[in-house]
Protein backbone atom coordinates (compact mmCIF):
# COMPACT_ATOMS: atom_id res chain seq x y z
CA MET A 1 -16.18 -15.95 11.21
CA GLN A 2 -19.25 -13.96 10.25
CA SER A 3 -19.80 -12.82 6.66
CA PHE A 4 -20.73 -9.22 5.91
CA PHE A 5 -23.85 -10.54 4.22
CA GLU A 6 -25.00 -12.23 7.43
CA LEU A 7 -25.42 -8.85 9.11
CA THR A 8 -28.94 -7.51 9.45
CA TYR A 9 -30.35 -5.25 6.74
CA GLU A 10 -30.24 -2.35 9.20
CA GLN A 11 -26.53 -2.91 9.90
CA ARG A 12 -25.67 -3.23 6.20
CA PHE A 13 -27.61 -0.10 5.24
CA LYS A 14 -25.73 1.91 7.90
CA VAL A 15 -22.48 0.69 6.36
CA TYR A 16 -23.65 1.54 2.82
CA ASP A 17 -24.71 5.03 3.98
CA ALA A 18 -21.28 5.63 5.57
CA ILE A 19 -19.53 4.50 2.36
CA LYS A 20 -21.68 6.79 0.22
CA ALA A 21 -21.20 9.76 2.58
CA LEU A 22 -17.43 9.50 2.06
CA GLY A 23 -17.73 9.47 -1.73
CA CYS A 24 -16.66 5.83 -1.91
CA GLN A 25 -18.67 3.01 -3.47
CA THR A 26 -19.10 -0.71 -3.02
CA TYR A 27 -17.08 -2.82 -5.43
CA ASP A 28 -17.69 -6.33 -6.75
CA GLY A 29 -15.18 -9.02 -5.98
CA GLY A 30 -14.81 -9.28 -2.20
CA GLY A 31 -15.60 -12.97 -2.09
CA SER A 32 -15.70 -15.08 1.06
CA GLY A 33 -18.28 -12.79 2.67
CA LEU A 34 -16.05 -9.71 2.49
CA LEU A 35 -17.27 -6.22 1.71
CA SER A 36 -15.18 -4.57 -1.04
CA VAL A 37 -15.09 -0.78 -1.26
CA ALA A 38 -13.62 1.40 -4.02
CA VAL A 39 -11.91 4.11 -1.97
CA ALA A 40 -12.22 7.78 -2.94
CA LYS A 41 -9.05 9.90 -3.09
CA GLY A 42 -7.90 10.91 0.37
CA LYS A 43 -10.67 8.98 2.15
CA PHE A 44 -8.99 5.73 3.22
CA GLY A 45 -8.41 6.78 6.85
CA ALA A 46 -11.92 8.15 7.25
CA LEU A 47 -13.36 5.00 5.66
CA MET A 48 -11.46 2.73 8.05
CA GLN A 49 -12.56 4.80 11.05
CA ALA A 50 -16.23 4.89 9.98
CA LEU A 51 -16.46 1.17 9.25
CA ASP A 52 -14.55 0.27 12.42
CA PHE A 53 -17.18 2.23 14.37
CA LEU A 54 -19.85 0.14 12.61
CA GLY A 55 -18.17 -3.16 13.55
CA LEU A 56 -16.10 -3.95 10.46
CA LYS A 57 -12.35 -4.50 10.42
CA HIS A 58 -10.05 -3.80 7.51
CA GLN A 59 -8.96 -7.04 5.86
CA ASP A 60 -6.85 -6.08 2.83
CA LEU A 61 -6.03 -3.31 0.35
CA TYR A 62 -5.54 -3.63 -3.41
CA LYS A 63 -4.42 -1.20 -6.09
CA PHE A 64 -4.85 -2.22 -9.72
CA PRO A 65 -5.19 -0.66 -13.20
CA LEU A 66 -8.54 0.65 -14.39
CA GLY A 67 -8.80 -1.28 -17.65
CA THR A 68 -11.87 -0.40 -19.70
CA ASP A 69 -14.02 0.68 -16.74
CA LYS A 70 -14.66 4.38 -16.30
CA PRO A 71 -15.10 5.24 -12.61
CA PRO A 72 -15.65 8.85 -11.53
CA CYS A 73 -12.45 10.88 -11.17
CA GLU A 74 -12.67 10.87 -7.34
CA LEU A 75 -12.30 7.05 -7.35
CA ARG A 76 -9.15 7.07 -9.51
CA HIS A 77 -5.69 6.94 -7.92
CA GLU A 78 -2.16 7.63 -9.10
CA SER A 79 0.21 4.77 -9.86
CA TYR A 80 3.88 5.05 -10.80
CA GLY A 81 3.46 8.74 -11.62
CA GLN A 82 0.44 8.15 -13.86
CA PRO A 83 -2.50 10.18 -12.49
CA ASP A 84 -5.97 8.68 -12.34
CA SER A 85 -4.86 5.24 -13.55
CA CYS A 86 -5.79 2.83 -10.73
CA TRP A 87 -8.55 1.63 -8.44
CA LEU A 88 -7.86 1.47 -4.71
CA VAL A 89 -10.08 -1.22 -3.19
CA ALA A 90 -10.27 -2.07 0.51
CA THR A 91 -11.93 -5.19 1.89
CA PHE A 92 -13.67 -5.42 5.26
CA ARG A 93 -15.31 -8.11 7.39
CA PRO A 94 -17.27 -8.05 10.65
CA TYR A 95 -15.30 -8.37 13.90
């Protein structure tokens, strides 16, 4: 199974441009050659569609508390009725 980091620079930069265009950002912690993306509010479907077009499949989805980090408001998600309290992180790998 190919790692995201084995893709060519050109392929990876297209992916990074698509992520940025949706207001999302890459996120540390994918491990095992996965690409981790902090998903912007309301952008999960568009992110999956864009990265699928670029040859990446959705692997997993995580929601967890912010802690001491301070991401921009558009990257914060509601959890248990608490607004802007969680990250939503999706992982992707090449087909």
